[in-house]
C-alpha atoms as a PDB file:
ATOM      1  CA  UNK A   1      -0.541 -17.710  -4.524  1.00  0.00           C
ATOM      2  CA  UNK A   2      -4.185 -17.265  -2.874  1.00  0.00           C
ATOM      3  CA  UNK A   3      -4.970 -14.037  -1.778  1.00  0.00           C
ATOM      4  CA  UNK A   4      -7.471 -12.306   0.495  1.00  0.00           C
ATOM      5  CA  UNK A   5      -9.047  -8.825   0.019  1.00  0.00           C
ATOM      6  CA  UNK A   6     -10.833  -7.316   2.700  1.00  0.00           C
ATOM      7  CA  UNK A   7     -13.666  -5.543   2.146  1.00  0.00           C
ATOM      8  CA  UNK A   8     -14.944  -2.549   4.418  1.00  0.00           C
ATOM      9  CA  UNK A   9     -17.726  -0.196   4.249  1.00  0.00           C
ATOM     10  CA  UNK A  10     -16.769   2.774   1.974  1.00  0.00           C
ATOM     11  CA  UNK A  11     -13.828   0.065   0.029  1.00  0.00           C
ATOM     12  CA  UNK A  12     -13.995   1.475  -3.345  1.00  0.00           C
ATOM     13  CA  UNK A  13     -11.045  -0.239  -4.848  1.00  0.00           C
ATOM     14  CA  UNK A  14     -11.247  -3.754  -3.635  1.00  0.00           C
ATOM     15  CA  UNK A  15     -12.622  -5.283  -6.781  1.00  0.00           C
ATOM     16  CA  UNK A  16      -9.918  -3.348  -8.688  1.00  0.00           C
ATOM     17  CA  UNK A  17      -7.035  -4.910  -6.526  1.00  0.00           C
ATOM     18  CA  UNK A  18      -8.970  -8.205  -6.858  1.00  0.00           C
ATOM     19  CA  UNK A  19      -9.421  -8.300 -10.890  1.00  0.00           C
ATOM     20  CA  UNK A  20      -5.809  -6.967 -11.266  1.00  0.00           C
ATOM     21  CA  UNK A  21      -4.310  -9.953  -8.805  1.00  0.00           C
ATOM     22  CA  UNK A  22      -6.113 -12.475 -11.018  1.00  0.00           C
ATOM     23  CA  UNK A  23      -5.427 -11.029 -14.276  1.00  0.00           C
ATOM     24  CA  UNK A  24      -1.351 -11.187 -13.325  1.00  0.00           C
ATOM     25  CA  UNK A  25      -1.556 -14.770 -10.876  1.00  0.00           C
ATOM     26  CA  UNK A  26      -4.633 -16.515 -12.612  1.00  0.00           C
ATOM     27  CA  UNK A  27      -5.627 -17.561  -9.361  1.00  0.00           C
ATOM     28  CA  UNK A  28      -9.071 -16.662  -7.702  1.00  0.00           C
ATOM     29  CA  UNK A  29      -8.940 -14.014  -5.046  1.00  0.00           C
ATOM     30  CA  UNK A  30     -11.143 -14.753  -2.021  1.00  0.00           C
ATOM     31  CA  UNK A  31     -13.160 -11.445  -0.676  1.00  0.00           C
ATOM     32  CA  UNK A  32     -13.506 -10.996   2.901  1.00  0.00           C
ATOM     33  CA  UNK A  33     -16.055  -8.928   4.741  1.00  0.00           C
ATOM     34  CA  UNK A  34     -15.212  -6.773   7.576  1.00  0.00           C
ATOM     35  CA  UNK A  35     -17.248  -8.214  10.199  1.00  0.00           C
ATOM     36  CA  UNK A  36     -16.101 -11.652   9.664  1.00  0.00           C
ATOM     37  CA  UNK A  37     -14.004 -12.910  12.593  1.00  0.00           C
ATOM     38  CA  UNK A  38     -11.407 -14.381  10.630  1.00  0.00           C
ATOM     39  CA  UNK A  39      -9.192 -14.404   7.155  1.00  0.00           C
ATOM     40  CA  UNK A  40      -9.056 -17.989   5.077  1.00  0.00           C
ATOM     41  CA  UNK A  41      -5.867 -19.531   4.995  1.00  0.00           C
ATOM     42  CA  UNK A  42      -4.140 -17.674   2.628  1.00  0.00           C
ATOM     43  CA  UNK A  43      -0.449 -16.518   1.209  1.00  0.00           C
ATOM     44  CA  UNK A  44      -1.533 -12.772   1.333  1.00  0.00           C
ATOM     45  CA  UNK A  45      -3.814 -10.138   2.609  1.00  0.00           C
ATOM     46  CA  UNK A  46      -4.810  -7.241   0.990  1.00  0.00           C
ATOM     47  CA  UNK A  47      -6.111  -4.028   2.489  1.00  0.00           C
ATOM     48  CA  UNK A  48      -7.549  -2.415  -0.562  1.00  0.00           C
ATOM     49  CA  UNK A  49      -8.153   1.681  -1.175  1.00  0.00           C
ATOM     50  CA  UNK A  50     -11.573   3.820  -0.248  1.00  0.00           C
ATOM     51  CA  UNK A  51     -12.889   5.362   2.462  1.00  0.00           C
ATOM     52  CA  UNK A  52     -13.956   2.738   5.016  1.00  0.00           C
ATOM     53  CA  UNK A  53     -16.107   3.739   7.625  1.00  0.00           C
ATOM     54  CA  UNK A  54     -16.863   6.778   5.345  1.00  0.00           C
ATOM     55  CA  UNK A  55     -13.252   8.262   7.013  1.00  0.00           C
ATOM     56  CA  UNK A  56     -14.679   9.057  10.093  1.00  0.00           C
ATOM     57  CA  UNK A  57     -12.670  10.054  13.403  1.00  0.00           C
ATOM     58  CA  UNK A  58      -9.402   9.487  11.046  1.00  0.00           C
ATOM     59  CA  UNK A  59      -9.046   7.899   7.963  1.00  0.00           C
ATOM     60  CA  UNK A  60      -8.543   3.935   8.977  1.00  0.00           C
ATOM     61  CA  UNK A  61      -8.938   4.640  12.365  1.00  0.00           C
ATOM     62  CA  UNK A  62     -12.599   2.815  12.477  1.00  0.00           C
ATOM     63  CA  UNK A  63     -11.668  -0.126  10.165  1.00  0.00           C
ATOM     64  CA  UNK A  64      -8.359  -0.732  12.239  1.00  0.00           C
ATOM     65  CA  UNK A  65     -10.883  -1.911  14.866  1.00  0.00           C
ATOM     66  CA  UNK A  66     -12.949  -3.974  13.119  1.00  0.00           C
ATOM     67  CA  UNK A  67     -13.599  -7.334  13.810  1.00  0.00           C
ATOM     68  CA  UNK A  68     -11.757  -8.954  10.845  1.00  0.00           C
ATOM     69  CA  UNK A  69      -8.550  -7.011  11.850  1.00  0.00           C
ATOM     70  CA  UNK A  70      -8.009  -8.544  14.856  1.00  0.00           C
ATOM     71  CA  UNK A  71      -7.457 -11.814  12.916  1.00  0.00           C
ATOM     72  CA  UNK A  72      -5.130  -9.823  10.198  1.00  0.00           C
ATOM     73  CA  UNK A  73      -2.894  -8.439  12.803  1.00  0.00           C
ATOM     74  CA  UNK A  74      -2.762 -11.736  14.520  1.00  0.00           C
ATOM     75  CA  UNK A  75      -2.065 -13.387  10.996  1.00  0.00           C
ATOM     76  CA  UNK A  76       0.683 -10.602  10.105  1.00  0.00           C
ATOM     77  CA  UNK A  77       2.522 -11.255  13.492  1.00  0.00           C
ATOM     78  CA  UNK A  78       2.651 -14.778  12.714  1.00  0.00           C
ATOM     79  CA  UNK A  79       4.192 -14.107   9.296  1.00  0.00           C
ATOM     80  CA  UNK A  80       1.538 -13.934   6.918  1.00  0.00           C
ATOM     81  CA  UNK A  81       2.221 -11.141   4.174  1.00  0.00           C
ATOM     82  CA  UNK A  82       0.233  -8.296   4.524  1.00  0.00           C
ATOM     83  CA  UNK A  83      -0.256  -5.486   2.034  1.00  0.00           C
ATOM     84  CA  UNK A  84      -1.892  -1.742   2.438  1.00  0.00           C
ATOM     85  CA  UNK A  85      -2.608   0.122  -0.200  1.00  0.00           C
ATOM     86  CA  UNK A  86      -3.804   3.931   0.118  1.00  0.00           C
ATOM     87  CA  UNK A  87      -6.697   3.663   2.899  1.00  0.00           C
ATOM     88  CA  UNK A  88      -5.103   0.208   3.426  1.00  0.00           C
ATOM     89  CA  UNK A  89      -2.160   1.854   4.221  1.00  0.00           C
ATOM     90  CA  UNK A  90      -3.443   4.173   6.748  1.00  0.00           C
ATOM     91  CA  UNK A  91      -5.074   1.029   8.328  1.00  0.00           C
ATOM     92  CA  UNK A  92      -1.801  -0.466   8.365  1.00  0.00           C
ATOM     93  CA  UNK A  93      -0.452   2.586  10.442  1.00  0.00           C
ATOM     94  CA  UNK A  94      -4.055   3.058  12.821  1.00  0.00           C
ATOM     95  CA  UNK A  95      -3.377  -0.881  13.616  1.00  0.00           C
ATOM     96  CA  UNK A  96       0.000  -0.440  14.520  1.00  0.00           C
ATOM     97  CA  UNK A  97       1.481  -2.752  12.179  1.00  0.00           C
ATOM     98  CA  UNK A  98       3.328   0.286  10.427  1.00  0.00           C
ATOM     99  CA  UNK A  99       4.856   3.384  12.155  1.00  0.00           C
ATOM    100  CA  UNK A 100       3.696   7.204  11.426  1.00  0.00           C
ATOM    101  CA  UNK A 101       0.240   8.551  10.686  1.00  0.00           C
ATOM    102  CA  UNK A 102      -1.428   9.960   7.140  1.00  0.00           C
ATOM    103  CA  UNK A 103      -2.362  13.396   7.550  1.00  0.00           C
ATOM    104  CA  UNK A 104      -4.277  15.694   5.251  1.00  0.00           C
ATOM    105  CA  UNK A 105      -2.602  16.526   2.296  1.00  0.00           C
ATOM    106  CA  UNK A 106      -0.072  20.080   2.689  1.00  0.00           C
ATOM    107  CA  UNK A 107      -2.385  21.621  -0.141  1.00  0.00           C
ATOM    108  CA  UNK A 108      -5.735  20.550   2.176  1.00  0.00           C
ATOM    109  CA  UNK A 109      -7.118  19.287  -1.497  1.00  0.00           C
ATOM    110  CA  UNK A 110      -7.898  15.805  -2.845  1.00  0.00           C
ATOM    111  CA  UNK A 111      -5.170  14.809  -5.202  1.00  0.00           C
ATOM    112  CA  UNK A 112      -5.931  12.220  -8.051  1.00  0.00           C
ATOM    113  CA  UNK A 113      -3.021  12.331 -10.650  1.00  0.00           C
ATOM    114  CA  UNK A 114       0.018  10.240 -11.783  1.00  0.00           C
ATOM    115  CA  UNK A 115       3.078  10.818  -9.863  1.00  0.00           C
ATOM    116  CA  UNK A 116       6.492   9.651 -10.284  1.00  0.00           C
ATOM    117  CA  UNK A 117       7.915   6.858  -7.477  1.00  0.00           C
ATOM    118  CA  UNK A 118      11.813   5.600  -7.015  1.00  0.00           C
ATOM    119  CA  UNK A 119      11.736   2.295  -6.548  1.00  0.00           C
ATOM    120  CA  UNK A 120      14.095   2.233  -3.332  1.00  0.00           C
ATOM    121  CA  UNK A 121      14.059  -1.630  -2.039  1.00  0.00           C
ATOM    122  CA  UNK A 122      13.956  -4.536  -4.181  1.00  0.00           C
ATOM    123  CA  UNK A 123      14.041  -7.090  -1.840  1.00  0.00           C
ATOM    124  CA  UNK A 124      10.506  -7.420  -0.236  1.00  0.00           C
ATOM    125  CA  UNK A 125       7.915  -9.369  -1.620  1.00  0.00           C
ATOM    126  CA  UNK A 126       6.235  -6.734  -3.587  1.00  0.00           C
ATOM    127  CA  UNK A 127       9.108  -5.053  -5.454  1.00  0.00           C
ATOM    128  CA  UNK A 128      11.289  -7.895  -6.598  1.00  0.00           C
ATOM    129  CA  UNK A 129      10.744  -7.155 -10.276  1.00  0.00           C
ATOM    130  CA  UNK A 130      11.890  -3.889 -10.338  1.00  0.00           C
ATOM    131  CA  UNK A 131      15.323  -2.467 -10.592  1.00  0.00           C
ATOM    132  CA  UNK A 132      16.560  -0.924  -7.562  1.00  0.00           C
ATOM    133  CA  UNK A 133      16.703   3.106  -8.311  1.00  0.00           C
ATOM    134  CA  UNK A 134      14.020   2.346 -10.899  1.00  0.00           C
ATOM    135  CA  UNK A 135      11.716   5.307 -11.635  1.00  0.00           C
ATOM    136  CA  UNK A 136       7.938   4.498 -12.523  1.00  0.00           C
ATOM    137  CA  UNK A 137       4.822   5.787 -12.836  1.00  0.00           C
ATOM    138  CA  UNK A 138       1.730   5.279 -10.551  1.00  0.00           C
ATOM    139  CA  UNK A 139      -1.727   7.482  -9.997  1.00  0.00           C
ATOM    140  CA  UNK A 140      -2.511   8.274  -6.547  1.00  0.00           C
ATOM    141  CA  UNK A 141      -6.103   9.573  -5.249  1.00  0.00           C
ATOM    142  CA  UNK A 142      -6.307  10.652  -1.404  1.00  0.00           C
ATOM    143  CA  UNK A 143      -6.891  13.631   0.575  1.00  0.00           C
ATOM    144  CA  UNK A 144      -4.976  12.177   3.551  1.00  0.00           C
ATOM    145  CA  UNK A 145      -1.424  10.839   2.347  1.00  0.00           C
ATOM    146  CA  UNK A 146       0.749  13.278   3.890  1.00  0.00           C
ATOM    147  CA  UNK A 147       3.060  10.974   5.814  1.00  0.00           C
ATOM    148  CA  UNK A 148       4.165  12.025   9.006  1.00  0.00           C
ATOM    149  CA  UNK A 149       6.423  10.481  11.869  1.00  0.00           C
ATOM    150  CA  UNK A 150       8.806  11.528  14.815  1.00  0.00           C
ATOM    151  CA  UNK A 151      12.372  12.569  14.079  1.00  0.00           C
ATOM    152  CA  UNK A 152      13.242   9.198  15.707  1.00  0.00           C
ATOM    153  CA  UNK A 153      10.968   7.193  13.516  1.00  0.00           C
ATOM    154  CA  UNK A 154      12.212   8.806  10.232  1.00  0.00           C
ATOM    155  CA  UNK A 155      15.645   8.037  11.053  1.00  0.00           C
ATOM    156  CA  UNK A 156      14.820   4.447  12.038  1.00  0.00           C
ATOM    157  CA  UNK A 157      13.039   3.941   8.614  1.00  0.00           C
ATOM    158  CA  UNK A 158      15.910   5.366   6.688  1.00  0.00           C
ATOM    159  CA  UNK A 159      18.616   3.682   8.252  1.00  0.00           C
ATOM    160  CA  UNK A 160      16.771   0.077   8.393  1.00  0.00           C
ATOM    161  CA  UNK A 161      16.036   1.012   4.621  1.00  0.00           C
ATOM    162  CA  UNK A 162      12.398   0.532   4.887  1.00  0.00           C
ATOM    163  CA  UNK A 163      11.546   3.359   2.982  1.00  0.00           C
ATOM    164  CA  UNK A 164       9.900   1.384  -0.364  1.00  0.00           C
ATOM    165  CA  UNK A 165       8.876   3.814  -2.088  1.00  0.00           C
ATOM    166  CA  UNK A 166       9.479   7.643  -2.714  1.00  0.00           C
ATOM    167  CA  UNK A 167       8.283  10.485  -4.457  1.00  0.00           C
ATOM    168  CA  UNK A 168      10.219  11.929  -7.028  1.00  0.00           C
ATOM    169  CA  UNK A 169      10.205  14.006 -10.405  1.00  0.00           C
ATOM    170  CA  UNK A 170      10.380  11.947 -13.791  1.00  0.00           C
ATOM    171  CA  UNK A 171      14.461  12.287 -13.482  1.00  0.00           C
ATOM    172  CA  UNK A 172      14.470  10.627 -10.003  1.00  0.00           C
ATOM    173  CA  UNK A 173      15.061  13.298  -7.824  1.00  0.00           C
ATOM    174  CA  UNK A 174      13.271  13.837  -4.485  1.00  0.00           C
ATOM    175  CA  UNK A 175      12.029  17.462  -4.791  1.00  0.00           C
ATOM    176  CA  UNK A 176       9.161  18.867  -3.144  1.00  0.00           C
ATOM    177  CA  UNK A 177       7.348  19.985  -5.946  1.00  0.00           C
ATOM    178  CA  UNK A 178       7.294  16.129  -6.612  1.00  0.00           C
ATOM    179  CA  UNK A 179       5.965  15.370  -3.927  1.00  0.00           C
ATOM    180  CA  UNK A 180       2.190  15.338  -4.064  1.00  0.00           C
ATOM    181  CA  UNK A 181       0.986  15.715  -0.388  1.00  0.00           C
ATOM    182  CA  UNK A 182       3.768  16.921   1.843  1.00  0.00           C
ATOM    183  CA  UNK A 183       4.603  13.575   3.196  1.00  0.00           C
ATOM    184  CA  UNK A 184       7.948  13.921   4.974  1.00  0.00           C
ATOM    185  CA  UNK A 185      11.453  12.565   3.496  1.00  0.00           C
ATOM    186  CA  UNK A 186       9.124  12.331  -0.082  1.00  0.00           C
ATOM    187  CA  UNK A 187       7.754   8.721   1.592  1.00  0.00           C
ATOM    188  CA  UNK A 188       5.143   7.006  -0.846  1.00  0.00           C
ATOM    189  CA  UNK A 189       5.604   3.651   0.545  1.00  0.00           C
ATOM    190  CA  UNK A 190       7.149   1.608   3.743  1.00  0.00           C
ATOM    191  CA  UNK A 191       7.542  -1.801   5.289  1.00  0.00           C
ATOM    192  CA  UNK A 192       7.710  -3.412   8.500  1.00  0.00           C
ATOM    193  CA  UNK A 193      11.313  -4.748   9.590  1.00  0.00           C
ATOM    194  CA  UNK A 194      10.405  -7.926   8.186  1.00  0.00           C
ATOM    195  CA  UNK A 195       9.743  -6.612   4.392  1.00  0.00           C
ATOM    196  CA  UNK A 196       6.187  -8.671   4.705  1.00  0.00           C
ATOM    197  CA  UNK A 197       4.169  -5.900   5.503  1.00  0.00           C
ATOM    198  CA  UNK A 198       4.100  -2.943   2.864  1.00  0.00           C
ATOM    199  CA  UNK A 199       1.762   0.127   3.200  1.00  0.00           C
ATOM    200  CA  UNK A 200       1.920   2.708   0.031  1.00  0.00           C
ATOM    201  CA  UNK A 201      -0.439   5.549  -0.958  1.00  0.00           C
ATOM    202  CA  UNK A 202      -0.115   5.022  -5.131  1.00  0.00           C
ATOM    203  CA  UNK A 203      -2.611   2.167  -6.705  1.00  0.00           C
ATOM    204  CA  UNK A 204      -0.519   0.007  -8.841  1.00  0.00           C
ATOM    205  CA  UNK A 205      -3.938  -2.018  -9.786  1.00  0.00           C
ATOM    206  CA  UNK A 206      -4.620   1.125 -11.701  1.00  0.00           C
ATOM    207  CA  UNK A 207      -2.050   0.746 -14.164  1.00  0.00           C
ATOM    208  CA  UNK A 208      -1.040  -2.658 -14.853  1.00  0.00           C
ATOM    209  CA  UNK A 209      -2.234  -3.704 -18.324  1.00  0.00           C
ATOM    210  CA  UNK A 210      -1.748  -1.212 -21.264  1.00  0.00           C
ATOM    211  CA  UNK A 211      -5.947  -0.370 -21.774  1.00  0.00           C
ATOM    212  CA  UNK A 212      -5.447   1.572 -18.389  1.00  0.00           C
ATOM    213  CA  UNK A 213      -2.765   3.609 -19.623  1.00  0.00           C
ATOM    214  CA  UNK A 214       0.403   1.719 -18.750  1.00  0.00           C
ATOM    215  CA  UNK A 215       1.843  -0.959 -17.106  1.00  0.00           C
ATOM    216  CA  UNK A 216       4.098   0.472 -14.514  1.00  0.00           C
ATOM    217  CA  UNK A 217       2.131  -1.276 -11.709  1.00  0.00           C
ATOM    218  CA  UNK A 218       1.836  -4.476 -13.162  1.00  0.00           C
ATOM    219  CA  UNK A 219       5.630  -6.214 -12.030  1.00  0.00           C
ATOM    220  CA  UNK A 220       3.931  -5.287  -8.197  1.00  0.00           C
ATOM    221  CA  UNK A 221       1.601  -8.277  -8.717  1.00  0.00           C
ATOM    222  CA  UNK A 222       4.170 -10.095 -10.635  1.00  0.00           C
ATOM    223  CA  UNK A 223       6.789  -9.599  -7.950  1.00  0.00           C
ATOM    224  CA  UNK A 224       4.036 -11.107  -5.493  1.00  0.00           C
ATOM    225  CA  UNK A 225       3.482 -14.133  -7.933  1.00  0.00           C
ATOM    226  CA  UNK A 226       6.917 -14.782  -8.317  1.00  0.00           C
ATOM    227  CA  UNK A 227       7.649 -14.352  -4.867  1.00  0.00           C
ATOM    228  CA  UNK A 228       5.137 -16.139  -2.884  1.00  0.00           C
ATOM    229  CA  UNK A 229       4.873 -19.131  -5.414  1.00  0.00           C
ATOM    230  CA  UNK A 230       8.693 -20.001  -5.035  1.00  0.00           C
END
């Protein structure tokens, strides 16, 4: 599996996800600077977490119009899988590859802690090694993770099974108190209709080996490796 990680000014999780992918797959990852006109041929494009362009305007808004994103959007529409983590999720929404927006957290505070997630879909490139309904622990770290979309969009996401991850408590209940940012329907991650484009706020790359405090994020990368190598 050949992956490319896009690096924006202000990215701070680019090397984290690079190290995680390489550790799990054993395959070198290509780092692509935001000013490049194109992304090398690859099996997966990753938009990492961080604070691209200092989070000016709206989070991800400037990054969505960077030079490299024109090729990312073109490749995504042509079928290349694209993963957006945290700021990457914001960029995917700003670029129109996923619906909705990520707003300020309902608390108006930056949230940095572990959360519980329910895996709602296992028929994606990214979640095939999990069990449907499984509850996992993954860290979040964001100030603008409050997912918002109009009622029709939310109904469509639910009806089409495009909510991939949902904030829950340890027992799997999607309660308001289990929601770290106020996201509608406790949404933590969604995909496009093809299930090849995924955006999520939690950081699986921060919990992929025991030295980091857990391995609940590891199967995320194992799923990608198994699916994209097939």
